[in-house]
PDB file of all heavy atoms in Angstrom:
ATOM      1  N   GLY A   1    -111.017 127.017 270.402  1.00  0.00           N
ATOM      2  CA  GLY A   1    -112.358 126.696 270.948  1.00  0.00           C
ATOM      3  C   GLY A   1    -112.649 125.216 270.907  1.00  0.00           C
ATOM      4  O   GLY A   1    -113.525 124.750 271.699  1.00  0.00           O
ATOM      5  N   GLY A   2    -111.875 124.463 270.129  1.00  0.00           N
ATOM      6  CA  GLY A   2    -112.128 123.026 270.118  1.00  0.00           C
ATOM      7  C   GLY A   2    -111.267 122.236 271.067  1.00  0.00           C
ATOM      8  O   GLY A   2    -111.364 121.061 271.137  1.00  0.00           O
ATOM      9  N   ILE A   3    -110.518 122.960 271.903  1.00  0.00           N
ATOM     10  CA  ILE A   3    -109.728 122.307 272.936  1.00  0.00           C
ATOM     11  C   ILE A   3    -110.502 122.318 274.184  1.00  0.00           C
ATOM     12  O   ILE A   3    -110.697 123.385 274.854  1.00  0.00           O
ATOM     13  CB  ILE A   3    -108.358 122.971 273.114  1.00  0.00           C
ATOM     14  CG1 ILE A   3    -107.606 123.098 271.807  1.00  0.00           C
ATOM     15  CG2 ILE A   3    -107.489 122.248 274.151  1.00  0.00           C
ATOM     16  CD1 ILE A   3    -106.300 123.914 271.824  1.00  0.00           C
ATOM     17  N   ARG A   4    -110.996 121.207 274.648  1.00  0.00           N
ATOM     18  CA  ARG A   4    -111.984 121.183 275.725  1.00  0.00           C
ATOM     19  C   ARG A   4    -111.507 120.779 277.040  1.00  0.00           C
ATOM     20  O   ARG A   4    -112.236 120.908 278.072  1.00  0.00           O
ATOM     21  CB  ARG A   4    -113.111 120.249 275.330  1.00  0.00           C
ATOM     22  CG  ARG A   4    -113.684 120.472 273.956  1.00  0.00           C
ATOM     23  CD  ARG A   4    -114.157 121.903 273.751  1.00  0.00           C
ATOM     24  NE  ARG A   4    -115.486 122.130 274.206  1.00  0.00           N
ATOM     25  CZ  ARG A   4    -116.238 123.172 273.823  1.00  0.00           C
ATOM     26  NH1 ARG A   4    -115.747 124.156 273.130  1.00  0.00           N
ATOM     27  NH2 ARG A   4    -117.478 123.313 274.327  1.00  0.00           N
ATOM     28  N   ALA A   5    -110.266 120.367 277.232  1.00  0.00           N
ATOM     29  CA  ALA A   5    -109.776 119.935 278.532  1.00  0.00           C
ATOM     30  C   ALA A   5    -108.219 119.972 278.493  1.00  0.00           C
ATOM     31  O   ALA A   5    -107.653 119.732 277.433  1.00  0.00           O
ATOM     32  CB  ALA A   5    -110.268 118.615 278.974  1.00  0.00           C
ATOM     33  N   PRO A   6    -107.496 120.105 279.578  1.00  0.00           N
ATOM     34  CA  PRO A   6    -106.081 119.975 279.555  1.00  0.00           C
ATOM     35  C   PRO A   6    -105.629 118.503 279.623  1.00  0.00           C
ATOM     36  O   PRO A   6    -106.438 117.649 279.886  1.00  0.00           O
ATOM     37  CB  PRO A   6    -105.638 120.680 280.930  1.00  0.00           C
ATOM     38  CG  PRO A   6    -106.848 120.474 281.769  1.00  0.00           C
ATOM     39  CD  PRO A   6    -108.008 120.490 280.944  1.00  0.00           C
ATOM     40  N   LEU A   7    -104.374 118.295 279.211  1.00  0.00           N
ATOM     41  CA  LEU A   7    -103.795 116.970 279.404  1.00  0.00           C
ATOM     42  C   LEU A   7    -103.039 116.986 280.702  1.00  0.00           C
ATOM     43  O   LEU A   7    -101.959 117.597 280.838  1.00  0.00           O
ATOM     44  CB  LEU A   7    -102.788 116.655 278.292  1.00  0.00           C
ATOM     45  CG  LEU A   7    -103.418 116.060 276.983  1.00  0.00           C
ATOM     46  CD1 LEU A   7    -102.307 115.777 275.949  1.00  0.00           C
ATOM     47  CD2 LEU A   7    -104.165 114.747 277.219  1.00  0.00           C
ATOM     48  N   GLU A   8    -103.608 116.326 281.703  1.00  0.00           N
ATOM     49  CA  GLU A   8    -102.958 116.300 283.062  1.00  0.00           C
ATOM     50  C   GLU A   8    -101.876 115.244 283.109  1.00  0.00           C
ATOM     51  O   GLU A   8    -102.032 114.191 282.480  1.00  0.00           O
ATOM     52  CB  GLU A   8    -103.978 116.051 284.124  1.00  0.00           C
ATOM     53  CG  GLU A   8    -105.215 117.000 284.101  1.00  0.00           C
ATOM     54  CD  GLU A   8    -104.827 118.351 284.683  1.00  0.00           C
ATOM     55  OE1 GLU A   8    -103.687 118.519 285.118  1.00  0.00           O
ATOM     56  OE2 GLU A   8    -105.703 119.216 284.768  1.00  0.00           O
ATOM     57  N   LEU A   9    -100.839 115.496 283.875  1.00  0.00           N
ATOM     58  CA  LEU A   9     -99.785 114.538 284.083  1.00  0.00           C
ATOM     59  C   LEU A   9    -100.158 113.589 285.205  1.00  0.00           C
ATOM     60  O   LEU A   9    -100.242 114.012 286.370  1.00  0.00           O
ATOM     61  CB  LEU A   9     -98.433 115.215 284.369  1.00  0.00           C
ATOM     62  CG  LEU A   9     -97.278 114.308 284.590  1.00  0.00           C
ATOM     63  CD1 LEU A   9     -96.977 113.485 283.334  1.00  0.00           C
ATOM     64  CD2 LEU A   9     -96.004 115.068 285.007  1.00  0.00           C
ATOM     65  N   LYS A  10    -100.413 112.314 284.892  1.00  0.00           N
ATOM     66  CA  LYS A  10    -100.768 111.306 285.880  1.00  0.00           C
ATOM     67  C   LYS A  10     -99.572 110.484 286.164  1.00  0.00           C
ATOM     68  O   LYS A  10     -98.501 110.576 285.497  1.00  0.00           O
ATOM     69  CB  LYS A  10    -101.958 110.562 285.327  1.00  0.00           C
ATOM     70  CG  LYS A  10    -103.263 111.325 285.122  1.00  0.00           C
ATOM     71  CD  LYS A  10    -104.421 110.499 284.770  1.00  0.00           C
ATOM     72  CE  LYS A  10    -104.253 109.841 283.362  1.00  0.00           C
ATOM     73  NZ  LYS A  10    -105.448 109.163 282.940  1.00  0.00           N
ATOM     74  N   GLU A  11     -99.668 109.662 287.166  1.00  0.00           N
ATOM     75  CA  GLU A  11     -98.623 108.750 287.586  1.00  0.00           C
ATOM     76  C   GLU A  11     -98.167 107.868 286.395  1.00  0.00           C
ATOM     77  O   GLU A  11     -98.978 107.268 285.693  1.00  0.00           O
ATOM     78  CB  GLU A  11     -99.069 107.814 288.674  1.00  0.00           C
ATOM     79  CG  GLU A  11     -97.911 106.982 289.274  1.00  0.00           C
ATOM     80  CD  GLU A  11     -98.339 106.269 290.524  1.00  0.00           C
ATOM     81  OE1 GLU A  11     -99.501 106.443 291.006  1.00  0.00           O
ATOM     82  OE2 GLU A  11     -97.560 105.390 290.997  1.00  0.00           O
ATOM     83  N   GLY A  12     -96.883 107.922 286.085  1.00  0.00           N
ATOM     84  CA  GLY A  12     -96.339 107.209 284.962  1.00  0.00           C
ATOM     85  C   GLY A  12     -96.483 107.893 283.630  1.00  0.00           C
ATOM     86  O   GLY A  12     -95.976 107.437 282.627  1.00  0.00           O
ATOM     87  N   GLY A  13     -97.203 109.018 283.632  1.00  0.00           N
ATOM     88  CA  GLY A  13     -97.348 109.772 282.425  1.00  0.00           C
ATOM     89  C   GLY A  13     -98.307 109.225 281.416  1.00  0.00           C
ATOM     90  O   GLY A  13     -98.333 109.592 280.201  1.00  0.00           O
ATOM     91  N   GLU A  14     -98.999 108.173 281.860  1.00  0.00           N
ATOM     92  CA  GLU A  14     -99.861 107.430 280.846  1.00  0.00           C
ATOM     93  C   GLU A  14    -101.093 108.262 280.422  1.00  0.00           C
ATOM     94  O   GLU A  14    -101.647 108.981 281.205  1.00  0.00           O
ATOM     95  CB  GLU A  14    -100.347 106.137 281.453  1.00  0.00           C
ATOM     96  CG  GLU A  14     -99.280 105.118 281.653  1.00  0.00           C
ATOM     97  CD  GLU A  14     -99.817 103.779 282.147  1.00  0.00           C
ATOM     98  OE1 GLU A  14    -100.976 103.769 282.633  1.00  0.00           O
ATOM     99  OE2 GLU A  14     -99.089 102.783 282.076  1.00  0.00           O
ATOM    100  N   LEU A  15    -101.388 108.178 279.124  1.00  0.00           N
ATOM    101  CA  LEU A  15    -102.581 108.781 278.560  1.00  0.00           C
ATOM    102  C   LEU A  15    -103.484 107.698 277.997  1.00  0.00           C
ATOM    103  O   LEU A  15    -103.081 106.782 277.286  1.00  0.00           O
ATOM    104  CB  LEU A  15    -102.205 109.756 277.394  1.00  0.00           C
ATOM    105  CG  LEU A  15    -101.435 111.017 277.738  1.00  0.00           C
ATOM    106  CD1 LEU A  15    -101.183 111.834 276.458  1.00  0.00           C
ATOM    107  CD2 LEU A  15    -102.199 111.893 278.717  1.00  0.00           C
ATOM    108  N   THR A  16    -104.738 107.781 278.369  1.00  0.00           N
ATOM    109  CA  THR A  16    -105.755 106.879 277.876  1.00  0.00           C
ATOM    110  C   THR A  16    -106.497 107.507 276.740  1.00  0.00           C
ATOM    111  O   THR A  16    -106.455 108.715 276.511  1.00  0.00           O
ATOM    112  CB  THR A  16    -106.717 106.440 278.920  1.00  0.00           C
ATOM    113  OG1 THR A  16    -107.540 107.644 279.351  1.00  0.00           O
ATOM    114  CG2 THR A  16    -106.086 105.887 280.155  1.00  0.00           C
ATOM    115  N   PHE A  17    -107.209 106.691 275.970  1.00  0.00           N
ATOM    116  CA  PHE A  17    -108.023 107.229 274.877  1.00  0.00           C
ATOM    117  C   PHE A  17    -109.058 108.133 275.455  1.00  0.00           C
ATOM    118  O   PHE A  17    -109.345 109.225 274.842  1.00  0.00           O
ATOM    119  CB  PHE A  17    -108.829 106.049 274.221  1.00  0.00           C
ATOM    120  CG  PHE A  17    -109.672 106.452 273.118  1.00  0.00           C
ATOM    121  CD1 PHE A  17    -109.169 106.494 271.796  1.00  0.00           C
ATOM    122  CD2 PHE A  17    -111.008 106.829 273.323  1.00  0.00           C
ATOM    123  CE1 PHE A  17    -110.066 106.870 270.695  1.00  0.00           C
ATOM    124  CE2 PHE A  17    -111.817 107.304 272.313  1.00  0.00           C
ATOM    125  CZ  PHE A  17    -111.377 107.293 271.034  1.00  0.00           C
ATOM    126  N   ALA A  18    -109.532 107.925 276.679  1.00  0.00           N
ATOM    127  CA  ALA A  18    -110.516 108.821 277.307  1.00  0.00           C
ATOM    128  C   ALA A  18    -109.927 110.189 277.564  1.00  0.00           C
ATOM    129  O   ALA A  18    -110.594 111.246 277.433  1.00  0.00           O
ATOM    130  CB  ALA A  18    -111.078 108.199 278.598  1.00  0.00           C
ATOM    131  N   ASP A  19    -108.616 110.236 277.988  1.00  0.00           N
ATOM    132  CA  ASP A  19    -107.942 111.448 278.240  1.00  0.00           C
ATOM    133  C   ASP A  19    -107.844 112.330 276.972  1.00  0.00           C
ATOM    134  O   ASP A  19    -108.112 113.534 277.026  1.00  0.00           O
ATOM    135  CB  ASP A  19    -106.556 111.219 278.778  1.00  0.00           C
ATOM    136  CG  ASP A  19    -106.521 110.562 280.157  1.00  0.00           C
ATOM    137  OD1 ASP A  19    -107.402 110.799 280.916  1.00  0.00           O
ATOM    138  OD2 ASP A  19    -105.561 109.736 280.410  1.00  0.00           O
ATOM    139  N   VAL A  20    -107.476 111.659 275.898  1.00  0.00           N
ATOM    140  CA  VAL A  20    -107.305 112.386 274.610  1.00  0.00           C
ATOM    141  C   VAL A  20    -108.692 112.826 274.095  1.00  0.00           C
ATOM    142  O   VAL A  20    -108.844 113.950 273.636  1.00  0.00           O
ATOM    143  CB  VAL A  20    -106.649 111.456 273.589  1.00  0.00           C
ATOM    144  CG1 VAL A  20    -106.567 112.113 272.229  1.00  0.00           C
ATOM    145  CG2 VAL A  20    -105.277 111.049 274.079  1.00  0.00           C
ATOM    146  N   TYR A  21    -109.693 112.013 274.257  1.00  0.00           N
ATOM    147  CA  TYR A  21    -111.024 112.324 273.808  1.00  0.00           C
ATOM    148  C   TYR A  21    -111.574 113.520 274.560  1.00  0.00           C
ATOM    149  O   TYR A  21    -112.315 114.311 274.004  1.00  0.00           O
ATOM    150  CB  TYR A  21    -111.975 111.114 273.895  1.00  0.00           C
ATOM    151  CG  TYR A  21    -113.270 111.317 273.201  1.00  0.00           C
ATOM    152  CD1 TYR A  21    -113.414 111.189 271.825  1.00  0.00           C
ATOM    153  CD2 TYR A  21    -114.406 111.676 273.948  1.00  0.00           C
ATOM    154  CE1 TYR A  21    -114.603 111.404 271.233  1.00  0.00           C
ATOM    155  CE2 TYR A  21    -115.646 111.914 273.316  1.00  0.00           C
ATOM    156  CZ  TYR A  21    -115.768 111.744 271.955  1.00  0.00           C
ATOM    157  OH  TYR A  21    -116.920 111.941 271.304  1.00  0.00           O
ATOM    158  N   ALA A  22    -111.281 113.612 275.854  1.00  0.00           N
ATOM    159  CA  ALA A  22    -111.768 114.734 276.672  1.00  0.00           C
ATOM    160  C   ALA A  22    -111.145 116.030 276.121  1.00  0.00           C
ATOM    161  O   ALA A  22    -111.833 117.064 276.196  1.00  0.00           O
ATOM    162  CB  ALA A  22    -111.384 114.549 278.120  1.00  0.00           C
ATOM    163  N   VAL A  23    -109.929 116.004 275.635  1.00  0.00           N
ATOM    164  CA  VAL A  23    -109.285 117.206 275.099  1.00  0.00           C
ATOM    165  C   VAL A  23    -109.870 117.501 273.751  1.00  0.00           C
ATOM    166  O   VAL A  23    -110.168 118.707 273.408  1.00  0.00           O
ATOM    167  CB  VAL A  23    -107.792 116.953 274.964  1.00  0.00           C
ATOM    168  CG1 VAL A  23    -107.111 118.057 274.131  1.00  0.00           C
ATOM    169  CG2 VAL A  23    -107.125 116.781 276.280  1.00  0.00           C
ATOM    170  N   TYR A  24    -110.196 116.506 272.982  1.00  0.00           N
ATOM    171  CA  TYR A  24    -110.533 116.688 271.522  1.00  0.00           C
ATOM    172  C   TYR A  24    -111.743 115.833 271.209  1.00  0.00           C
ATOM    173  O   TYR A  24    -111.623 114.834 270.524  1.00  0.00           O
ATOM    174  CB  TYR A  24    -109.308 116.213 270.797  1.00  0.00           C
ATOM    175  CG  TYR A  24    -109.207 116.767 269.322  1.00  0.00           C
ATOM    176  CD1 TYR A  24    -108.802 118.082 269.109  1.00  0.00           C
ATOM    177  CD2 TYR A  24    -109.362 115.944 268.228  1.00  0.00           C
ATOM    178  CE1 TYR A  24    -108.634 118.535 267.849  1.00  0.00           C
ATOM    179  CE2 TYR A  24    -109.272 116.438 266.947  1.00  0.00           C
ATOM    180  CZ  TYR A  24    -108.881 117.744 266.744  1.00  0.00           C
ATOM    181  OH  TYR A  24    -108.766 118.216 265.518  1.00  0.00           O
ATOM    182  N   PRO A  25    -112.954 116.236 271.674  1.00  0.00           N
ATOM    183  CA  PRO A  25    -114.085 115.339 271.555  1.00  0.00           C
ATOM    184  C   PRO A  25    -114.916 115.431 270.237  1.00  0.00           C
ATOM    185  O   PRO A  25    -115.959 114.832 270.127  1.00  0.00           O
ATOM    186  CB  PRO A  25    -114.961 115.749 272.770  1.00  0.00           C
ATOM    187  CG  PRO A  25    -114.636 117.207 272.841  1.00  0.00           C
ATOM    188  CD  PRO A  25    -113.215 117.368 272.475  1.00  0.00           C
ATOM    189  N   PHE A  26    -114.415 116.260 269.287  1.00  0.00           N
ATOM    190  CA  PHE A  26    -115.247 116.507 268.080  1.00  0.00           C
ATOM    191  C   PHE A  26    -114.743 115.594 266.916  1.00  0.00           C
ATOM    192  O   PHE A  26    -113.602 115.282 266.785  1.00  0.00           O
ATOM    193  CB  PHE A  26    -115.213 117.948 267.696  1.00  0.00           C
ATOM    194  CG  PHE A  26    -115.660 118.875 268.779  1.00  0.00           C
ATOM    195  CD1 PHE A  26    -114.700 119.650 269.470  1.00  0.00           C
ATOM    196  CD2 PHE A  26    -116.960 118.926 269.157  1.00  0.00           C
ATOM    197  CE1 PHE A  26    -115.128 120.479 270.456  1.00  0.00           C
ATOM    198  CE2 PHE A  26    -117.400 119.768 270.210  1.00  0.00           C
ATOM    199  CZ  PHE A  26    -116.457 120.541 270.813  1.00  0.00           C
ATOM    200  N   ASN A  27    -115.708 115.277 266.061  1.00  0.00           N
ATOM    201  CA  ASN A  27    -115.436 114.498 264.871  1.00  0.00           C
ATOM    202  C   ASN A  27    -114.953 115.434 263.740  1.00  0.00           C
ATOM    203  O   ASN A  27    -115.546 115.491 262.687  1.00  0.00           O
ATOM    204  CB  ASN A  27    -116.660 113.680 264.455  1.00  0.00           C
ATOM    205  CG  ASN A  27    -116.357 112.704 263.349  1.00  0.00           C
ATOM    206  OD1 ASN A  27    -115.221 112.258 263.233  1.00  0.00           O
ATOM    207  ND2 ASN A  27    -117.306 112.405 262.517  1.00  0.00           N
ATOM    208  N   ASN A  28    -113.884 116.184 264.039  1.00  0.00           N
ATOM    209  CA  ASN A  28    -113.373 117.109 263.078  1.00  0.00           C
ATOM    210  C   ASN A  28    -112.647 116.438 261.938  1.00  0.00           C
ATOM    211  O   ASN A  28    -112.083 115.380 262.154  1.00  0.00           O
ATOM    212  CB  ASN A  28    -112.425 118.102 263.741  1.00  0.00           C
ATOM    213  CG  ASN A  28    -113.148 119.025 264.730  1.00  0.00           C
ATOM    214  OD1 ASN A  28    -114.323 119.258 264.575  1.00  0.00           O
ATOM    215  ND2 ASN A  28    -112.415 119.604 265.658  1.00  0.00           N
ATOM    216  N   ARG A  29    -112.643 117.073 260.776  1.00  0.00           N
ATOM    217  CA  ARG A  29    -111.884 116.522 259.618  1.00  0.00           C
ATOM    218  C   ARG A  29    -110.692 117.549 259.402  1.00  0.00           C
ATOM    219  O   ARG A  29    -110.824 118.754 259.487  1.00  0.00           O
ATOM    220  CB  ARG A  29    -112.764 116.488 258.380  1.00  0.00           C
ATOM    221  CG  ARG A  29    -113.879 115.440 258.529  1.00  0.00           C
ATOM    222  CD  ARG A  29    -114.624 115.296 257.236  1.00  0.00           C
ATOM    223  NE  ARG A  29    -115.666 114.320 257.312  1.00  0.00           N
ATOM    224  CZ  ARG A  29    -116.450 113.946 256.320  1.00  0.00           C
ATOM    225  NH1 ARG A  29    -116.323 114.503 255.150  1.00  0.00           N
ATOM    226  NH2 ARG A  29    -117.366 113.028 256.525  1.00  0.00           N
ATOM    227  N   LEU A  30    -109.521 116.953 259.108  1.00  0.00           N
ATOM    228  CA  LEU A  30    -108.369 117.740 258.793  1.00  0.00           C
ATOM    229  C   LEU A  30    -108.387 118.113 257.248  1.00  0.00           C
ATOM    230  O   LEU A  30    -108.661 117.203 256.447  1.00  0.00           O
ATOM    231  CB  LEU A  30    -107.074 117.028 259.103  1.00  0.00           C
ATOM    232  CG  LEU A  30    -106.886 116.633 260.555  1.00  0.00           C
ATOM    233  CD1 LEU A  30    -105.489 115.920 260.728  1.00  0.00           C
ATOM    234  CD2 LEU A  30    -106.986 117.837 261.467  1.00  0.00           C
ATOM    235  N   VAL A  31    -108.317 119.353 256.935  1.00  0.00           N
ATOM    236  CA  VAL A  31    -108.389 119.819 255.579  1.00  0.00           C
ATOM    237  C   VAL A  31    -107.110 120.487 255.149  1.00  0.00           C
ATOM    238  O   VAL A  31    -106.544 121.330 255.952  1.00  0.00           O
ATOM    239  CB  VAL A  31    -109.532 120.865 255.452  1.00  0.00           C
ATOM    240  CG1 VAL A  31    -109.613 121.391 253.979  1.00  0.00           C
ATOM    241  CG2 VAL A  31    -110.874 120.221 255.857  1.00  0.00           C
ATOM    242  N   THR A  32    -106.551 120.163 254.036  1.00  0.00           N
ATOM    243  CA  THR A  32    -105.362 120.852 253.529  1.00  0.00           C
ATOM    244  C   THR A  32    -105.770 121.740 252.348  1.00  0.00           C
ATOM    245  O   THR A  32    -106.693 121.368 251.579  1.00  0.00           O
ATOM    246  CB  THR A  32    -104.313 119.808 252.998  1.00  0.00           C
ATOM    247  OG1 THR A  32    -104.892 119.000 252.064  1.00  0.00           O
ATOM    248  CG2 THR A  32    -103.819 119.016 254.195  1.00  0.00           C
TER     249      THR A  32
END
């Protein structure tokens, strides 16, 4: 439910911070 968008393959395969943030926009904490 926390995955909010796909990672699309753009020209050159580049990913921007905005691309990653669109996928994962929450201020989640990793817990072990």
